[in-house]
PDB file of N, CA and C in Angstrom:
ATOM      1  N   UNK A   1      -2.673 -24.317  18.261  1.00  0.00           N
ATOM      2  CA  UNK A   1      -2.356 -23.000  17.745  1.00  0.00           C
ATOM      3  C   UNK A   1      -3.221 -21.963  18.455  1.00  0.00           C
ATOM      4  N   UNK A   2      -2.597 -20.861  18.857  1.00  0.00           N
ATOM      5  CA  UNK A   2      -3.304 -19.726  19.426  1.00  0.00           C
ATOM      6  C   UNK A   2      -3.018 -18.533  18.524  1.00  0.00           C
ATOM      7  N   UNK A   3      -4.051 -17.799  18.171  1.00  0.00           N
ATOM      8  CA  UNK A   3      -3.859 -16.620  17.325  1.00  0.00           C
ATOM      9  C   UNK A   3      -4.186 -16.896  15.869  1.00  0.00           C
ATOM     10  N   UNK A   4      -3.712 -16.014  15.027  1.00  0.00           N
ATOM     11  CA  UNK A   4      -4.001 -16.077  13.594  1.00  0.00           C
ATOM     12  C   UNK A   4      -3.106 -17.122  12.938  1.00  0.00           C
ATOM     13  N   UNK A   5      -3.693 -17.950  12.090  1.00  0.00           N
ATOM     14  CA  UNK A   5      -2.916 -18.980  11.401  1.00  0.00           C
ATOM     15  C   UNK A   5      -1.968 -18.355  10.383  1.00  0.00           C
ATOM     16  N   UNK A   6      -0.944 -19.098  10.024  1.00  0.00           N
ATOM     17  CA  UNK A   6       0.018 -18.637   9.025  1.00  0.00           C
ATOM     18  C   UNK A   6      -0.673 -18.345   7.705  1.00  0.00           C
ATOM     19  N   UNK A   7      -1.618 -19.190   7.323  1.00  0.00           N
ATOM     20  CA  UNK A   7      -2.333 -18.994   6.051  1.00  0.00           C
ATOM     21  C   UNK A   7      -3.095 -17.668   6.042  1.00  0.00           C
ATOM     22  N   UNK A   8      -3.725 -17.321   7.167  1.00  0.00           N
ATOM     23  CA  UNK A   8      -4.482 -16.064   7.237  1.00  0.00           C
ATOM     24  C   UNK A   8      -3.523 -14.866   7.260  1.00  0.00           C
ATOM     25  N   UNK A   9      -2.417 -14.982   8.001  1.00  0.00           N
ATOM     26  CA  UNK A   9      -1.403 -13.910   7.986  1.00  0.00           C
ATOM     27  C   UNK A   9      -0.934 -13.660   6.559  1.00  0.00           C
ATOM     28  N   UNK A  10      -0.653 -14.750   5.836  1.00  0.00           N
ATOM     29  CA  UNK A  10      -0.197 -14.621   4.458  1.00  0.00           C
ATOM     30  C   UNK A  10      -1.256 -13.961   3.578  1.00  0.00           C
ATOM     31  N   UNK A  11      -2.515 -14.345   3.754  1.00  0.00           N
ATOM     32  CA  UNK A  11      -3.594 -13.724   2.981  1.00  0.00           C
ATOM     33  C   UNK A  11      -3.669 -12.224   3.256  1.00  0.00           C
ATOM     34  N   UNK A  12      -3.543 -11.839   4.526  1.00  0.00           N
ATOM     35  CA  UNK A  12      -3.616 -10.425   4.898  1.00  0.00           C
ATOM     36  C   UNK A  12      -2.450  -9.633   4.304  1.00  0.00           C
ATOM     37  N   UNK A  13      -1.245 -10.152   4.444  1.00  0.00           N
ATOM     38  CA  UNK A  13      -0.076  -9.462   3.909  1.00  0.00           C
ATOM     39  C   UNK A  13      -0.104  -9.409   2.385  1.00  0.00           C
ATOM     40  N   UNK A  14      -0.492 -10.510   1.768  1.00  0.00           N
ATOM     41  CA  UNK A  14      -0.555 -10.562   0.309  1.00  0.00           C
ATOM     42  C   UNK A  14      -1.557  -9.535  -0.214  1.00  0.00           C
ATOM     43  N   UNK A  15      -2.749  -9.498   0.393  1.00  0.00           N
ATOM     44  CA  UNK A  15      -3.800  -8.587  -0.070  1.00  0.00           C
ATOM     45  C   UNK A  15      -3.453  -7.123   0.199  1.00  0.00           C
ATOM     46  N   UNK A  16      -2.733  -6.862   1.275  1.00  0.00           N
ATOM     47  CA  UNK A  16      -2.463  -5.478   1.668  1.00  0.00           C
ATOM     48  C   UNK A  16      -1.195  -4.890   1.066  1.00  0.00           C
ATOM     49  N   UNK A  17      -0.156  -5.719   0.848  1.00  0.00           N
ATOM     50  CA  UNK A  17       1.139  -5.149   0.471  1.00  0.00           C
ATOM     51  C   UNK A  17       1.844  -5.808  -0.705  1.00  0.00           C
ATOM     52  N   UNK A  18       1.705  -7.096  -0.879  1.00  0.00           N
ATOM     53  CA  UNK A  18       2.546  -7.803  -1.843  1.00  0.00           C
ATOM     54  C   UNK A  18       2.188  -7.479  -3.287  1.00  0.00           C
ATOM     55  N   UNK A  19       3.232  -7.395  -4.096  1.00  0.00           N
ATOM     56  CA  UNK A  19       3.100  -7.265  -5.556  1.00  0.00           C
ATOM     57  C   UNK A  19       2.328  -6.028  -6.001  1.00  0.00           C
ATOM     58  N   UNK A  20       2.407  -4.955  -5.233  1.00  0.00           N
ATOM     59  CA  UNK A  20       1.796  -3.674  -5.599  1.00  0.00           C
ATOM     60  C   UNK A  20       2.831  -2.583  -5.391  1.00  0.00           C
ATOM     61  N   UNK A  21       2.710  -1.519  -6.170  1.00  0.00           N
ATOM     62  CA  UNK A  21       3.660  -0.406  -6.047  1.00  0.00           C
ATOM     63  C   UNK A  21       3.154   0.574  -4.988  1.00  0.00           C
ATOM     64  N   UNK A  22       4.037   0.895  -4.047  1.00  0.00           N
ATOM     65  CA  UNK A  22       3.791   1.889  -3.015  1.00  0.00           C
ATOM     66  C   UNK A  22       4.919   2.908  -3.079  1.00  0.00           C
ATOM     67  N   UNK A  23       4.843   3.921  -2.245  1.00  0.00           N
ATOM     68  CA  UNK A  23       5.948   4.859  -2.063  1.00  0.00           C
ATOM     69  C   UNK A  23       6.464   4.691  -0.648  1.00  0.00           C
ATOM     70  N   UNK A  24       7.761   4.842  -0.489  1.00  0.00           N
ATOM     71  CA  UNK A  24       8.355   4.812   0.838  1.00  0.00           C
ATOM     72  C   UNK A  24       8.956   6.186   1.108  1.00  0.00           C
ATOM     73  N   UNK A  25       8.733   6.671   2.334  1.00  0.00           N
ATOM     74  CA  UNK A  25       9.244   7.969   2.746  1.00  0.00           C
ATOM     75  C   UNK A  25      10.070   7.838   4.004  1.00  0.00           C
ATOM     76  N   UNK A  26      10.931   8.808   4.242  1.00  0.00           N
ATOM     77  CA  UNK A  26      11.821   8.816   5.398  1.00  0.00           C
ATOM     78  C   UNK A  26      11.323   9.793   6.453  1.00  0.00           C
ATOM     79  N   UNK A  27      11.540   9.442   7.716  1.00  0.00           N
ATOM     80  CA  UNK A  27      11.059  10.251   8.829  1.00  0.00           C
ATOM     81  C   UNK A  27      12.178  10.576   9.800  1.00  0.00           C
ATOM     82  N   UNK A  28      12.033  11.734  10.422  1.00  0.00           N
ATOM     83  CA  UNK A  28      12.834  12.139  11.561  1.00  0.00           C
ATOM     84  C   UNK A  28      11.827  12.440  12.659  1.00  0.00           C
ATOM     85  N   UNK A  29      11.799  11.580  13.682  1.00  0.00           N
ATOM     86  CA  UNK A  29      10.742  11.695  14.684  1.00  0.00           C
ATOM     87  C   UNK A  29       9.399  11.393  14.051  1.00  0.00           C
ATOM     88  N   UNK A  30       8.409  12.228  14.324  1.00  0.00           N
ATOM     89  CA  UNK A  30       7.065  12.018  13.777  1.00  0.00           C
ATOM     90  C   UNK A  30       6.851  12.681  12.425  1.00  0.00           C
ATOM     91  N   UNK A  31       7.864  13.386  11.927  1.00  0.00           N
ATOM     92  CA  UNK A  31       7.708  14.176  10.705  1.00  0.00           C
ATOM     93  C   UNK A  31       8.495  13.594   9.538  1.00  0.00           C
ATOM     94  N   UNK A  32       7.857  13.622   8.374  1.00  0.00           N
ATOM     95  CA  UNK A  32       8.560  13.203   7.165  1.00  0.00           C
ATOM     96  C   UNK A  32       9.646  14.234   6.859  1.00  0.00           C
ATOM     97  N   UNK A  33      10.752  13.760   6.322  1.00  0.00           N
ATOM     98  CA  UNK A  33      11.872  14.631   5.953  1.00  0.00           C
ATOM     99  C   UNK A  33      11.376  15.731   5.010  1.00  0.00           C
ATOM    100  N   UNK A  34      11.814  16.942   5.266  1.00  0.00           N
ATOM    101  CA  UNK A  34      11.526  18.075   4.390  1.00  0.00           C
ATOM    102  C   UNK A  34      12.850  18.570   3.836  1.00  0.00           C
ATOM    103  N   UNK A  35      13.004  18.475   2.529  1.00  0.00           N
ATOM    104  CA  UNK A  35      14.240  18.886   1.872  1.00  0.00           C
ATOM    105  C   UNK A  35      13.885  19.149   0.411  1.00  0.00           C
ATOM    106  N   UNK A  36      14.463  20.164  -0.155  1.00  0.00           N
ATOM    107  CA  UNK A  36      14.125  20.554  -1.521  1.00  0.00           C
ATOM    108  C   UNK A  36      14.340  19.423  -2.527  1.00  0.00           C
ATOM    109  N   UNK A  37      15.341  18.596  -2.306  1.00  0.00           N
ATOM    110  CA  UNK A  37      15.659  17.508  -3.240  1.00  0.00           C
ATOM    111  C   UNK A  37      14.920  16.220  -2.889  1.00  0.00           C
ATOM    112  N   UNK A  38      14.579  16.036  -1.630  1.00  0.00           N
ATOM    113  CA  UNK A  38      13.961  14.786  -1.158  1.00  0.00           C
ATOM    114  C   UNK A  38      12.639  14.517  -1.862  1.00  0.00           C
ATOM    115  N   UNK A  39      12.443  13.252  -2.206  1.00  0.00           N
ATOM    116  CA  UNK A  39      11.130  12.795  -2.659  1.00  0.00           C
ATOM    117  C   UNK A  39      10.993  11.315  -2.313  1.00  0.00           C
ATOM    118  N   UNK A  40       9.768  10.887  -2.132  1.00  0.00           N
ATOM    119  CA  UNK A  40       9.503   9.484  -1.838  1.00  0.00           C
ATOM    120  C   UNK A  40       9.942   8.627  -3.025  1.00  0.00           C
ATOM    121  N   UNK A  41      10.241   7.367  -2.724  1.00  0.00           N
ATOM    122  CA  UNK A  41      10.677   6.418  -3.749  1.00  0.00           C
ATOM    123  C   UNK A  41       9.664   5.286  -3.870  1.00  0.00           C
ATOM    124  N   UNK A  42       9.545   4.756  -5.071  1.00  0.00           N
ATOM    125  CA  UNK A  42       8.664   3.610  -5.294  1.00  0.00           C
ATOM    126  C   UNK A  42       9.255   2.371  -4.639  1.00  0.00           C
ATOM    127  N   UNK A  43       8.367   1.511  -4.176  1.00  0.00           N
ATOM    128  CA  UNK A  43       8.778   0.253  -3.553  1.00  0.00           C
ATOM    129  C   UNK A  43       7.727  -0.807  -3.868  1.00  0.00           C
ATOM    130  N   UNK A  44       8.202  -2.029  -4.081  1.00  0.00           N
ATOM    131  CA  UNK A  44       7.327  -3.197  -4.199  1.00  0.00           C
ATOM    132  C   UNK A  44       7.776  -4.208  -3.163  1.00  0.00           C
ATOM    133  N   UNK A  45       6.809  -4.886  -2.561  1.00  0.00           N
ATOM    134  CA  UNK A  45       7.095  -5.872  -1.529  1.00  0.00           C
ATOM    135  C   UNK A  45       6.862  -7.287  -2.051  1.00  0.00           C
ATOM    136  N   UNK A  46       7.611  -8.215  -1.485  1.00  0.00           N
ATOM    137  CA  UNK A  46       7.553  -9.623  -1.855  1.00  0.00           C
ATOM    138  C   UNK A  46       6.271 -10.279  -1.368  1.00  0.00           C
ATOM    139  N   UNK A  47       6.094 -11.513  -1.760  1.00  0.00           N
ATOM    140  CA  UNK A  47       5.079 -12.356  -1.141  1.00  0.00           C
ATOM    141  C   UNK A  47       5.537 -12.649   0.285  1.00  0.00           C
ATOM    142  N   UNK A  48       4.618 -13.043   1.184  1.00  0.00           N
ATOM    143  CA  UNK A  48       4.991 -13.296   2.574  1.00  0.00           C
ATOM    144  C   UNK A  48       6.041 -14.403   2.719  1.00  0.00           C
ATOM    145  N   UNK A  49       6.982 -14.163   3.644  1.00  0.00           N
ATOM    146  CA  UNK A  49       8.046 -15.116   3.968  1.00  0.00           C
ATOM    147  C   UNK A  49       8.266 -15.097   5.480  1.00  0.00           C
ATOM    148  N   UNK A  50       9.149 -15.978   5.955  1.00  0.00           N
ATOM    149  CA  UNK A  50       9.550 -15.965   7.363  1.00  0.00           C
ATOM    150  C   UNK A  50       8.958 -17.111   8.162  1.00  0.00           C
ATOM    151  N   UNK A  51       9.677 -17.498   9.188  1.00  0.00           N
ATOM    152  CA  UNK A  51       9.224 -18.519  10.124  1.00  0.00           C
ATOM    153  C   UNK A  51       8.659 -17.832  11.357  1.00  0.00           C
ATOM    154  N   UNK A  52       7.530 -18.281  11.851  1.00  0.00           N
ATOM    155  CA  UNK A  52       6.903 -17.631  13.012  1.00  0.00           C
ATOM    156  C   UNK A  52       6.284 -16.322  12.596  1.00  0.00           C
ATOM    157  N   UNK A  53       7.046 -15.239  12.703  1.00  0.00           N
ATOM    158  CA  UNK A  53       6.577 -13.945  12.207  1.00  0.00           C
ATOM    159  C   UNK A  53       6.614 -13.976  10.686  1.00  0.00           C
ATOM    160  N   UNK A  54       5.499 -13.665  10.075  1.00  0.00           N
ATOM    161  CA  UNK A  54       5.413 -13.616   8.611  1.00  0.00           C
ATOM    162  C   UNK A  54       5.552 -12.163   8.197  1.00  0.00           C
ATOM    163  N   UNK A  55       6.244 -11.914   7.105  1.00  0.00           N
ATOM    164  CA  UNK A  55       6.458 -10.543   6.671  1.00  0.00           C
ATOM    165  C   UNK A  55       6.622 -10.471   5.162  1.00  0.00           C
ATOM    166  N   UNK A  56       6.438  -9.260   4.640  1.00  0.00           N
ATOM    167  CA  UNK A  56       6.797  -8.933   3.264  1.00  0.00           C
ATOM    168  C   UNK A  56       8.001  -8.015   3.358  1.00  0.00           C
ATOM    169  N   UNK A  57       8.828  -8.004   2.322  1.00  0.00           N
ATOM    170  CA  UNK A  57      10.043  -7.188   2.344  1.00  0.00           C
ATOM    171  C   UNK A  57      10.261  -6.542   0.979  1.00  0.00           C
ATOM    172  N   UNK A  58      11.020  -5.437   0.983  1.00  0.00           N
ATOM    173  CA  UNK A  58      11.291  -4.755  -0.282  1.00  0.00           C
ATOM    174  C   UNK A  58      12.059  -5.673  -1.232  1.00  0.00           C
ATOM    175  N   UNK A  59      11.657  -5.640  -2.508  1.00  0.00           N
ATOM    176  CA  UNK A  59      12.278  -6.497  -3.522  1.00  0.00           C
ATOM    177  C   UNK A  59      13.577  -5.932  -4.071  1.00  0.00           C
ATOM    178  N   UNK A  60      13.671  -4.621  -4.186  1.00  0.00           N
ATOM    179  CA  UNK A  60      14.792  -3.982  -4.862  1.00  0.00           C
ATOM    180  C   UNK A  60      15.486  -2.980  -3.943  1.00  0.00           C
ATOM    181  N   UNK A  61      16.648  -2.517  -4.379  1.00  0.00           N
ATOM    182  CA  UNK A  61      17.366  -1.461  -3.667  1.00  0.00           C
ATOM    183  C   UNK A  61      16.534  -0.181  -3.722  1.00  0.00           C
ATOM    184  N   UNK A  62      16.451   0.518  -2.605  1.00  0.00           N
ATOM    185  CA  UNK A  62      15.785   1.815  -2.537  1.00  0.00           C
ATOM    186  C   UNK A  62      16.860   2.825  -2.151  1.00  0.00           C
ATOM    187  N   UNK A  63      17.071   3.812  -3.011  1.00  0.00           N
ATOM    188  CA  UNK A  63      18.148   4.773  -2.795  1.00  0.00           C
ATOM    189  C   UNK A  63      17.592   6.190  -2.726  1.00  0.00           C
ATOM    190  N   UNK A  64      17.853   6.854  -1.611  1.00  0.00           N
ATOM    191  CA  UNK A  64      17.563   8.274  -1.438  1.00  0.00           C
ATOM    192  C   UNK A  64      18.908   8.974  -1.489  1.00  0.00           C
ATOM    193  N   UNK A  65      19.087   9.863  -2.453  1.00  0.00           N
ATOM    194  CA  UNK A  65      20.397  10.501  -2.603  1.00  0.00           C
ATOM    195  C   UNK A  65      20.275  11.995  -2.817  1.00  0.00           C
ATOM    196  N   UNK A  66      21.348  12.689  -2.477  1.00  0.00           N
ATOM    197  CA  UNK A  66      21.450  14.106  -2.775  1.00  0.00           C
ATOM    198  C   UNK A  66      20.588  15.023  -1.932  1.00  0.00           C
ATOM    199  N   UNK A  67      20.677  14.969  -0.637  1.00  0.00           N
ATOM    200  CA  UNK A  67      19.937  15.883   0.237  1.00  0.00           C
ATOM    201  C   UNK A  67      20.606  17.255   0.245  1.00  0.00           C
ATOM    202  N   UNK A  68      19.828  18.304   0.384  1.00  0.00           N
ATOM    203  CA  UNK A  68      20.387  19.651   0.528  1.00  0.00           C
ATOM    204  C   UNK A  68      20.918  19.889   1.925  1.00  0.00           C
ATOM    205  N   UNK A  69      20.232  19.336   2.919  1.00  0.00           N
ATOM    206  CA  UNK A  69      20.571  19.561   4.324  1.00  0.00           C
ATOM    207  C   UNK A  69      20.854  18.233   5.007  1.00  0.00           C
ATOM    208  N   UNK A  70      21.433  18.302   6.194  1.00  0.00           N
ATOM    209  CA  UNK A  70      21.663  17.110   7.003  1.00  0.00           C
ATOM    210  C   UNK A  70      20.368  16.739   7.730  1.00  0.00           C
ATOM    211  N   UNK A  71      20.089  15.446   7.820  1.00  0.00           N
ATOM    212  CA  UNK A  71      18.889  14.938   8.490  1.00  0.00           C
ATOM    213  C   UNK A  71      19.250  13.690   9.287  1.00  0.00           C
ATOM    214  N   UNK A  72      18.593  13.514  10.425  1.00  0.00           N
ATOM    215  CA  UNK A  72      18.696  12.282  11.177  1.00  0.00           C
ATOM    216  C   UNK A  72      17.444  11.479  10.864  1.00  0.00           C
ATOM    217  N   UNK A  73      17.610  10.415  10.108  1.00  0.00           N
ATOM    218  CA  UNK A  73      16.487   9.567   9.690  1.00  0.00           C
ATOM    219  C   UNK A  73      16.361   8.429  10.687  1.00  0.00           C
ATOM    220  N   UNK A  74      15.222   8.365  11.375  1.00  0.00           N
ATOM    221  CA  UNK A  74      15.019   7.301  12.345  1.00  0.00           C
ATOM    222  C   UNK A  74      13.775   6.464  12.074  1.00  0.00           C
ATOM    223  N   UNK A  75      13.126   6.700  10.933  1.00  0.00           N
ATOM    224  CA  UNK A  75      11.949   5.923  10.602  1.00  0.00           C
ATOM    225  C   UNK A  75      11.633   5.960   9.116  1.00  0.00           C
ATOM    226  N   UNK A  76      10.732   5.100   8.725  1.00  0.00           N
ATOM    227  CA  UNK A  76      10.271   5.034   7.343  1.00  0.00           C
ATOM    228  C   UNK A  76       8.792   4.666   7.332  1.00  0.00           C
ATOM    229  N   UNK A  77       8.126   5.033   6.251  1.00  0.00           N
ATOM    230  CA  UNK A  77       6.692   4.723   6.130  1.00  0.00           C
ATOM    231  C   UNK A  77       6.376   4.363   4.696  1.00  0.00           C
ATOM    232  N   UNK A  78       5.323   3.581   4.547  1.00  0.00           N
ATOM    233  CA  UNK A  78       4.813   3.184   3.238  1.00  0.00           C
ATOM    234  C   UNK A  78       3.525   3.950   2.999  1.00  0.00           C
ATOM    235  N   UNK A  79       3.441   4.579   1.826  1.00  0.00           N
ATOM    236  CA  UNK A  79       2.281   5.365   1.433  1.00  0.00           C
ATOM    237  C   UNK A  79       1.601   4.702   0.239  1.00  0.00           C
ATOM    238  N   UNK A  80       0.258   4.728   0.244  1.00  0.00           N
ATOM    239  CA  UNK A  80      -0.461   4.225  -0.927  1.00  0.00           C
ATOM    240  C   UNK A  80      -0.562   5.322  -1.981  1.00  0.00           C
ATOM    241  N   UNK A  81      -1.256   5.046  -3.079  1.00  0.00           N
ATOM    242  CA  UNK A  81      -1.350   5.985  -4.201  1.00  0.00           C
ATOM    243  C   UNK A  81      -2.040   7.291  -3.830  1.00  0.00           C
ATOM    244  N   UNK A  82      -2.861   7.282  -2.772  1.00  0.00           N
ATOM    245  CA  UNK A  82      -3.548   8.505  -2.343  1.00  0.00           C
ATOM    246  C   UNK A  82      -2.728   9.311  -1.341  1.00  0.00           C
ATOM    247  N   UNK A  83      -1.555   8.781  -0.949  1.00  0.00           N
ATOM    248  CA  UNK A  83      -0.711   9.466   0.020  1.00  0.00           C
ATOM    249  C   UNK A  83      -0.984   9.081   1.460  1.00  0.00           C
ATOM    250  N   UNK A  84      -1.867   8.113   1.677  1.00  0.00           N
ATOM    251  CA  UNK A  84      -2.186   7.654   3.039  1.00  0.00           C
ATOM    252  C   UNK A  84      -1.104   6.705   3.542  1.00  0.00           C
ATOM    253  N   UNK A  85      -0.701   6.873   4.805  1.00  0.00           N
ATOM    254  CA  UNK A  85       0.287   5.987   5.410  1.00  0.00           C
ATOM    255  C   UNK A  85      -0.353   4.623   5.636  1.00  0.00           C
ATOM    256  N   UNK A  86       0.287   3.582   5.099  1.00  0.00           N
ATOM    257  CA  UNK A  86      -0.192   2.205   5.262  1.00  0.00           C
ATOM    258  C   UNK A  86       0.574   1.472   6.362  1.00  0.00           C
ATOM    259  N   UNK A  87       1.822   1.870   6.598  1.00  0.00           N
ATOM    260  CA  UNK A  87       2.644   1.264   7.649  1.00  0.00           C
ATOM    261  C   UNK A  87       3.771   2.237   7.971  1.00  0.00           C
ATOM    262  N   UNK A  88       4.184   2.244   9.236  1.00  0.00           N
ATOM    263  CA  UNK A  88       5.279   3.124   9.645  1.00  0.00           C
ATOM    264  C   UNK A  88       6.115   2.391  10.686  1.00  0.00           C
ATOM    265  N   UNK A  89       7.432   2.465  10.524  1.00  0.00           N
ATOM    266  CA  UNK A  89       8.354   1.755  11.399  1.00  0.00           C
ATOM    267  C   UNK A  89       9.534   2.636  11.777  1.00  0.00           C
ATOM    268  N   UNK A  90      10.147   2.326  12.908  1.00  0.00           N
ATOM    269  CA  UNK A  90      11.392   2.977  13.330  1.00  0.00           C
ATOM    270  C   UNK A  90      12.549   2.137  12.813  1.00  0.00           C
ATOM    271  N   UNK A  91      13.644   2.801  12.466  1.00  0.00           N
ATOM    272  CA  UNK A  91      14.868   2.099  12.105  1.00  0.00           C
ATOM    273  C   UNK A  91      15.568   1.635  13.373  1.00  0.00           C
ATOM    274  N   UNK A  92      16.163   0.468  13.340  1.00  0.00           N
ATOM    275  CA  UNK A  92      16.918  -0.036  14.480  1.00  0.00           C
ATOM    276  C   UNK A  92      18.128   0.863  14.718  1.00  0.00           C
ATOM    277  N   UNK A  93      18.764   1.288  13.627  1.00  0.00           N
ATOM    278  CA  UNK A  93      19.919   2.175  13.714  1.00  0.00           C
ATOM    279  C   UNK A  93      19.625   3.408  12.863  1.00  0.00           C
ATOM    280  N   UNK A  94      19.387   4.574  13.485  1.00  0.00           N
ATOM    281  CA  UNK A  94      19.116   5.788  12.704  1.00  0.00           C
ATOM    282  C   UNK A  94      20.264   6.113  11.747  1.00  0.00           C
ATOM    283  N   UNK A  95      19.916   6.819  10.677  1.00  0.00           N
ATOM    284  CA  UNK A  95      20.878   7.217   9.651  1.00  0.00           C
ATOM    285  C   UNK A  95      21.060   8.727   9.670  1.00  0.00           C
ATOM    286  N   UNK A  96      22.276   9.179   9.571  1.00  0.00           N
ATOM    287  CA  UNK A  96      22.547  10.592   9.357  1.00  0.00           C
ATOM    288  C   UNK A  96      22.811  10.768   7.874  1.00  0.00           C
ATOM    289  N   UNK A  97      21.951  11.513   7.185  1.00  0.00           N
ATOM    290  CA  UNK A  97      22.092  11.730   5.745  1.00  0.00           C
ATOM    291  C   UNK A  97      22.378  13.203   5.487  1.00  0.00           C
ATOM    292  N   UNK A  98      23.007  13.467   4.337  1.00  0.00           N
ATOM    293  CA  UNK A  98      23.344  14.841   3.970  1.00  0.00           C
ATOM    294  C   UNK A  98      23.590  14.890   2.469  1.00  0.00           C
ATOM    295  N   UNK A  99      24.137  15.996   2.005  1.00  0.00           N
ATOM    296  CA  UNK A  99      24.452  16.111   0.583  1.00  0.00           C
ATOM    297  C   UNK A  99      25.520  15.098   0.163  1.00  0.00           C
ATOM    298  N   UNK A 100      26.314  14.625   1.113  1.00  0.00           N
ATOM    299  CA  UNK A 100      27.380  13.664   0.821  1.00  0.00           C
ATOM    300  C   UNK A 100      27.035  12.229   1.211  1.00  0.00           C
ATOM    301  N   UNK A 101      25.996  12.042   2.001  1.00  0.00           N
ATOM    302  CA  UNK A 101      25.665  10.712   2.526  1.00  0.00           C
ATOM    303  C   UNK A 101      24.235  10.362   2.134  1.00  0.00           C
ATOM    304  N   UNK A 102      24.076   9.243   1.410  1.00  0.00           N
ATOM    305  CA  UNK A 102      22.778   8.784   0.941  1.00  0.00           C
ATOM    306  C   UNK A 102      22.131   7.832   1.953  1.00  0.00           C
ATOM    307  N   UNK A 103      20.856   7.596   1.773  1.00  0.00           N
ATOM    308  CA  UNK A 103      20.146   6.555   2.512  1.00  0.00           C
ATOM    309  C   UNK A 103      19.857   5.443   1.523  1.00  0.00           C
ATOM    310  N   UNK A 104      20.343   4.245   1.828  1.00  0.00           N
ATOM    311  CA  UNK A 104      20.197   3.110   0.918  1.00  0.00           C
ATOM    312  C   UNK A 104      19.670   1.912   1.687  1.00  0.00           C
ATOM    313  N   UNK A 105      18.639   1.291   1.136  1.00  0.00           N
ATOM    314  CA  UNK A 105      18.053   0.092   1.728  1.00  0.00           C
ATOM    315  C   UNK A 105      18.167  -1.039   0.720  1.00  0.00           C
ATOM    316  N   UNK A 106      18.886  -2.076   1.094  1.00  0.00           N
ATOM    317  CA  UNK A 106      19.063  -3.240   0.222  1.00  0.00           C
ATOM    318  C   UNK A 106      17.794  -4.090   0.238  1.00  0.00           C
ATOM    319  N   UNK A 107      17.636  -4.974  -0.754  1.00  0.00           N
ATOM    320  CA  UNK A 107      16.481  -5.878  -0.743  1.00  0.00           C
ATOM    321  C   UNK A 107      16.374  -6.617   0.584  1.00  0.00           C
ATOM    322  N   UNK A 108      15.180  -6.634   1.145  1.00  0.00           N
ATOM    323  CA  UNK A 108      14.939  -7.329   2.405  1.00  0.00           C
ATOM    324  C   UNK A 108      15.136  -6.502   3.650  1.00  0.00           C
ATOM    325  N   UNK A 109      15.630  -5.263   3.539  1.00  0.00           N
ATOM    326  CA  UNK A 109      15.884  -4.458   4.738  1.00  0.00           C
ATOM    327  C   UNK A 109      14.627  -3.784   5.284  1.00  0.00           C
ATOM    328  N   UNK A 110      13.643  -3.527   4.441  1.00  0.00           N
ATOM    329  CA  UNK A 110      12.385  -2.927   4.909  1.00  0.00           C
ATOM    330  C   UNK A 110      11.341  -4.032   4.964  1.00  0.00           C
ATOM    331  N   UNK A 111      10.842  -4.314   6.176  1.00  0.00           N
ATOM    332  CA  UNK A 111       9.906  -5.423   6.366  1.00  0.00           C
ATOM    333  C   UNK A 111       8.633  -4.961   7.071  1.00  0.00           C
ATOM    334  N   UNK A 112       7.535  -5.530   6.620  1.00  0.00           N
ATOM    335  CA  UNK A 112       6.234  -5.313   7.254  1.00  0.00           C
ATOM    336  C   UNK A 112       5.729  -6.690   7.658  1.00  0.00           C
ATOM    337  N   UNK A 113       5.483  -6.881   8.960  1.00  0.00           N
ATOM    338  CA  UNK A 113       5.177  -8.226   9.401  1.00  0.00           C
ATOM    339  C   UNK A 113       4.028  -8.367  10.381  1.00  0.00           C
ATOM    340  N   UNK A 114       3.626  -9.631  10.525  1.00  0.00           N
ATOM    341  CA  UNK A 114       2.608 -10.029  11.489  1.00  0.00           C
ATOM    342  C   UNK A 114       3.163 -11.167  12.332  1.00  0.00           C
ATOM    343  N   UNK A 115       3.279 -10.958  13.662  1.00  0.00           N
ATOM    344  CA  UNK A 115       3.816 -12.023  14.527  1.00  0.00           C
ATOM    345  C   UNK A 115       2.848 -13.175  14.687  1.00  0.00           C
TER     346      UNK A 115
END
């Protein structure tokens, strides 16, 4: 084995993200979405899973709905209770959201991992 063992990866992910409530926010480029209706949503992550790359993933559906303006969402971030960014990722496929189009993430779609 070269690198961090699976057990240590799991300990790190468990201690940092699993089974705790965080907030998830949406980004366009380097900036968080600014919209009168927009607000971050609560998220909880699973215990570590996966083969090779170990990761935690969102347990429940996360729904952002009812934007005032159109936005191109190309990233998401996890914030702790103090508002500090704990992790930030780009979406593989950006989302165009608006007053008619919501952003919805099913369980398992948001992942934080260690290769």
